[in-house]
């Protein structure tokens, strides 16, 4: 498989045989994801406060991730593309 170079500002993607990690978008906002970001214990482990917001508000937050200095990554299970985790990276 030929690898394409990542371009600043474009969604990033890393892939293994069983998983892939990629930049998240509005289509990745599932009911499970919304429960996760509202869970105080889970979010404490991510060093952030729980987020209680609508799917539309979360879509706007994800849209603000510019894939340059702020990334919201999702970890997905192959082959069904099921979201199994997420994390955020900020570059100063």
N, C-alpha and C. Protein backbone atom coordinates (compact mmCIF):
# COMPACT_ATOMS: atom_id res chain seq x y z
N UNK A 1 0.84 -1.17 0.00
CA UNK A 1 0.00 0.00 0.00
C UNK A 1 0.89 1.24 0.00
N UNK A 2 0.65 2.13 -0.94
CA UNK A 2 1.43 3.36 -1.02
C UNK A 2 0.94 4.34 0.04
N UNK A 3 1.86 4.91 0.79
CA UNK A 3 1.52 5.87 1.83
C UNK A 3 1.51 7.28 1.27
N UNK A 4 0.46 8.01 1.61
CA UNK A 4 0.35 9.39 1.21
C UNK A 4 0.85 10.26 2.35
N UNK A 5 1.58 11.32 2.07
CA UNK A 5 2.03 12.21 3.14
C UNK A 5 0.84 12.95 3.73
N UNK A 6 0.91 13.21 5.02
CA UNK A 6 -0.14 13.98 5.68
C UNK A 6 0.06 15.45 5.37
N UNK A 7 -1.02 16.15 5.09
CA UNK A 7 -0.98 17.57 4.77
C UNK A 7 -1.61 18.32 5.94
N UNK A 8 -0.90 19.32 6.47
CA UNK A 8 -1.42 20.12 7.59
C UNK A 8 -2.82 20.62 7.26
N UNK A 9 -3.72 20.43 8.21
CA UNK A 9 -5.10 20.86 8.03
C UNK A 9 -6.02 19.79 7.49
N UNK A 10 -5.46 18.70 6.99
CA UNK A 10 -6.27 17.61 6.47
C UNK A 10 -6.43 16.54 7.57
N UNK A 11 -7.53 15.79 7.56
CA UNK A 11 -7.70 14.73 8.55
C UNK A 11 -6.53 13.74 8.52
N UNK A 12 -6.12 13.29 9.69
CA UNK A 12 -5.02 12.33 9.80
C UNK A 12 -5.59 10.93 10.00
N UNK A 13 -4.82 9.92 9.61
CA UNK A 13 -5.26 8.53 9.76
C UNK A 13 -4.04 7.63 9.94
N UNK A 14 -4.12 6.75 10.95
CA UNK A 14 -3.12 5.72 11.18
C UNK A 14 -3.87 4.39 11.19
N UNK A 15 -3.26 3.36 10.64
CA UNK A 15 -3.98 2.10 10.50
C UNK A 15 -3.10 0.92 10.85
N UNK A 16 -3.71 -0.07 11.54
CA UNK A 16 -3.06 -1.34 11.81
C UNK A 16 -3.95 -2.44 11.23
N UNK A 17 -3.59 -3.66 11.46
CA UNK A 17 -4.37 -4.77 10.94
C UNK A 17 -5.78 -4.81 11.54
N UNK A 18 -5.92 -4.47 12.83
CA UNK A 18 -7.22 -4.59 13.51
C UNK A 18 -7.90 -3.26 13.82
N UNK A 19 -7.15 -2.16 13.83
CA UNK A 19 -7.69 -0.88 14.26
C UNK A 19 -7.27 0.23 13.31
N UNK A 20 -7.97 1.35 13.42
CA UNK A 20 -7.47 2.57 12.81
C UNK A 20 -7.81 3.74 13.72
N UNK A 21 -6.96 4.74 13.68
CA UNK A 21 -7.13 5.98 14.43
C UNK A 21 -7.18 7.08 13.39
N UNK A 22 -8.22 7.91 13.50
CA UNK A 22 -8.33 8.99 12.52
C UNK A 22 -9.01 10.19 13.14
N UNK A 23 -8.88 11.32 12.46
CA UNK A 23 -9.55 12.54 12.88
C UNK A 23 -11.06 12.29 12.87
N UNK A 24 -11.72 12.77 13.93
CA UNK A 24 -13.17 12.59 14.04
C UNK A 24 -13.93 13.74 13.39
N UNK A 25 -15.14 13.44 12.96
CA UNK A 25 -16.03 14.44 12.40
C UNK A 25 -17.44 14.24 12.94
N UNK A 26 -18.37 15.05 12.49
CA UNK A 26 -19.75 15.00 12.97
C UNK A 26 -20.39 13.63 12.78
N UNK A 27 -20.03 12.91 11.73
CA UNK A 27 -20.62 11.59 11.49
C UNK A 27 -20.19 10.55 12.51
N UNK A 28 -19.19 10.85 13.31
CA UNK A 28 -18.69 9.92 14.32
C UNK A 28 -19.38 10.08 15.67
N UNK A 29 -20.27 11.03 15.79
CA UNK A 29 -20.94 11.30 17.07
C UNK A 29 -22.09 10.30 17.24
N UNK A 30 -21.82 9.27 18.02
CA UNK A 30 -22.81 8.22 18.30
C UNK A 30 -23.42 8.45 19.69
N UNK A 31 -24.47 7.72 19.99
CA UNK A 31 -25.05 7.79 21.33
C UNK A 31 -24.03 7.36 22.38
N UNK A 32 -23.24 6.34 22.07
CA UNK A 32 -22.20 5.88 23.01
C UNK A 32 -21.17 6.98 23.27
N UNK A 33 -20.74 7.63 22.22
CA UNK A 33 -19.77 8.72 22.36
C UNK A 33 -20.33 9.82 23.24
N UNK A 34 -21.61 10.18 23.05
CA UNK A 34 -22.23 11.23 23.86
C UNK A 34 -22.29 10.83 25.33
N UNK A 35 -22.52 9.54 25.60
CA UNK A 35 -22.51 9.05 26.99
C UNK A 35 -21.11 9.13 27.57
N UNK A 36 -20.11 8.78 26.77
CA UNK A 36 -18.73 8.81 27.23
C UNK A 36 -18.32 10.22 27.64
N UNK A 37 -18.60 11.21 26.79
CA UNK A 37 -18.12 12.56 27.09
C UNK A 37 -18.86 13.20 28.26
N UNK A 38 -20.01 12.63 28.64
CA UNK A 38 -20.76 13.12 29.80
C UNK A 38 -20.41 12.38 31.09
N UNK A 39 -19.60 11.33 30.99
CA UNK A 39 -19.25 10.49 32.14
C UNK A 39 -18.10 11.12 32.93
N UNK A 40 -18.35 11.56 34.19
CA UNK A 40 -17.30 12.23 34.97
C UNK A 40 -16.06 11.36 35.20
N UNK A 41 -16.25 10.07 35.46
CA UNK A 41 -15.11 9.19 35.73
C UNK A 41 -14.24 9.01 34.48
N UNK A 42 -14.88 8.76 33.37
CA UNK A 42 -14.13 8.59 32.13
C UNK A 42 -13.39 9.87 31.76
N UNK A 43 -14.06 10.99 31.83
CA UNK A 43 -13.43 12.25 31.43
C UNK A 43 -12.33 12.66 32.41
N UNK A 44 -12.46 12.29 33.67
CA UNK A 44 -11.39 12.57 34.64
C UNK A 44 -10.10 11.88 34.20
N UNK A 45 -10.24 10.67 33.67
CA UNK A 45 -9.06 9.94 33.21
C UNK A 45 -8.46 10.56 31.95
N UNK A 46 -9.22 11.41 31.28
CA UNK A 46 -8.71 12.14 30.11
C UNK A 46 -8.29 13.55 30.49
N UNK A 47 -8.29 13.81 31.81
CA UNK A 47 -7.84 15.09 32.35
C UNK A 47 -8.70 16.26 31.84
N UNK A 48 -10.02 16.03 31.80
CA UNK A 48 -10.95 17.09 31.39
C UNK A 48 -12.29 16.90 32.10
N UNK A 49 -13.09 17.92 32.08
CA UNK A 49 -14.41 17.88 32.71
C UNK A 49 -15.42 17.19 31.79
N UNK A 50 -16.45 16.58 32.37
CA UNK A 50 -17.49 16.00 31.52
C UNK A 50 -18.17 17.09 30.69
N UNK A 51 -18.63 16.70 29.52
CA UNK A 51 -19.27 17.66 28.61
C UNK A 51 -20.71 17.24 28.39
N UNK A 52 -21.61 18.08 28.84
CA UNK A 52 -23.05 17.84 28.63
C UNK A 52 -23.52 18.83 27.58
N UNK A 53 -23.72 18.32 26.39
CA UNK A 53 -24.14 19.18 25.28
C UNK A 53 -24.92 18.34 24.28
N UNK A 54 -25.53 19.00 23.33
CA UNK A 54 -26.28 18.31 22.28
C UNK A 54 -25.30 17.77 21.22
N UNK A 55 -25.81 16.89 20.38
CA UNK A 55 -24.97 16.37 19.28
C UNK A 55 -24.57 17.50 18.34
N UNK A 56 -25.45 18.47 18.15
CA UNK A 56 -25.14 19.60 17.28
C UNK A 56 -24.01 20.45 17.87
N UNK A 57 -24.06 20.67 19.19
CA UNK A 57 -23.00 21.43 19.85
C UNK A 57 -21.68 20.69 19.79
N UNK A 58 -21.73 19.37 19.95
CA UNK A 58 -20.51 18.57 19.86
C UNK A 58 -19.96 18.58 18.43
N UNK A 59 -20.83 18.56 17.45
CA UNK A 59 -20.39 18.64 16.05
C UNK A 59 -19.65 19.95 15.81
N UNK A 60 -20.13 21.04 16.38
CA UNK A 60 -19.45 22.33 16.23
C UNK A 60 -18.08 22.31 16.92
N UNK A 61 -18.01 21.65 18.09
CA UNK A 61 -16.72 21.55 18.79
C UNK A 61 -15.73 20.75 17.95
N UNK A 62 -16.19 19.64 17.38
CA UNK A 62 -15.30 18.84 16.54
C UNK A 62 -14.87 19.61 15.30
N UNK A 63 -15.75 20.40 14.76
CA UNK A 63 -15.42 21.20 13.58
C UNK A 63 -14.30 22.19 13.88
N UNK A 64 -14.21 22.63 15.14
CA UNK A 64 -13.16 23.57 15.54
C UNK A 64 -11.78 22.91 15.61
N UNK A 65 -11.73 21.59 15.57
CA UNK A 65 -10.45 20.89 15.54
C UNK A 65 -9.88 21.04 14.13
N UNK A 66 -8.79 21.77 14.02
CA UNK A 66 -8.28 22.19 12.71
C UNK A 66 -7.32 21.22 12.04
N UNK A 67 -7.02 20.10 12.70
CA UNK A 67 -6.07 19.12 12.16
C UNK A 67 -4.73 19.76 11.81
N UNK A 68 -4.40 20.78 12.59
CA UNK A 68 -3.12 21.45 12.44
C UNK A 68 -2.48 21.60 13.81
N UNK A 69 -3.19 22.23 14.72
CA UNK A 69 -2.70 22.38 16.09
C UNK A 69 -3.65 21.76 17.10
N UNK A 70 -4.83 21.37 16.66
CA UNK A 70 -5.82 20.74 17.54
C UNK A 70 -6.48 19.58 16.77
N UNK A 71 -6.35 18.38 17.35
CA UNK A 71 -6.88 17.17 16.73
C UNK A 71 -7.82 16.47 17.70
N UNK A 72 -8.91 15.93 17.20
CA UNK A 72 -9.77 15.02 17.97
C UNK A 72 -9.72 13.71 17.21
N UNK A 73 -9.07 12.71 17.82
CA UNK A 73 -8.91 11.42 17.18
C UNK A 73 -9.90 10.42 17.75
N UNK A 74 -10.38 9.54 16.90
CA UNK A 74 -11.18 8.41 17.32
C UNK A 74 -10.42 7.14 17.01
N UNK A 75 -10.56 6.16 17.90
CA UNK A 75 -10.00 4.82 17.67
C UNK A 75 -11.16 3.93 17.24
N UNK A 76 -11.00 3.27 16.10
CA UNK A 76 -12.08 2.48 15.52
C UNK A 76 -11.63 1.04 15.33
N UNK A 77 -12.56 0.14 15.52
CA UNK A 77 -12.31 -1.29 15.35
C UNK A 77 -12.68 -1.69 13.92
N UNK A 78 -11.78 -2.40 13.28
CA UNK A 78 -12.08 -2.95 11.97
C UNK A 78 -12.86 -4.24 12.17
N UNK A 79 -13.65 -4.73 11.31
CA UNK A 79 -14.01 -4.17 10.03
C UNK A 79 -15.29 -3.33 10.08
N UNK A 80 -15.91 -3.21 11.25
CA UNK A 80 -17.21 -2.55 11.31
C UNK A 80 -17.13 -1.04 11.58
N UNK A 81 -15.91 -0.50 11.68
CA UNK A 81 -15.71 0.94 11.90
C UNK A 81 -16.35 1.43 13.20
N UNK A 82 -16.42 0.56 14.21
CA UNK A 82 -17.04 0.92 15.49
C UNK A 82 -16.07 1.75 16.32
N UNK A 83 -16.55 2.91 16.79
CA UNK A 83 -15.75 3.78 17.65
C UNK A 83 -15.56 3.11 19.00
N UNK A 84 -14.31 2.95 19.43
CA UNK A 84 -14.04 2.30 20.72
C UNK A 84 -13.29 3.21 21.68
N UNK A 85 -12.92 4.39 21.24
CA UNK A 85 -12.23 5.33 22.11
C UNK A 85 -11.91 6.61 21.38
N UNK A 86 -11.43 7.58 22.13
CA UNK A 86 -11.10 8.88 21.54
C UNK A 86 -10.08 9.59 22.41
N UNK A 87 -9.40 10.56 21.82
CA UNK A 87 -8.47 11.39 22.55
C UNK A 87 -8.22 12.66 21.76
N UNK A 88 -7.75 13.67 22.44
CA UNK A 88 -7.49 14.94 21.80
C UNK A 88 -6.00 15.27 21.93
N UNK A 89 -5.46 15.89 20.90
CA UNK A 89 -4.07 16.33 20.88
C UNK A 89 -4.06 17.79 20.54
N UNK A 90 -3.37 18.56 21.37
CA UNK A 90 -3.17 20.00 21.09
C UNK A 90 -1.68 20.26 21.00
N UNK A 91 -1.30 20.99 19.98
CA UNK A 91 0.11 21.30 19.75
C UNK A 91 0.32 22.78 19.93
N UNK A 92 1.22 23.12 20.83
CA UNK A 92 1.57 24.54 21.05
C UNK A 92 2.79 24.91 20.25
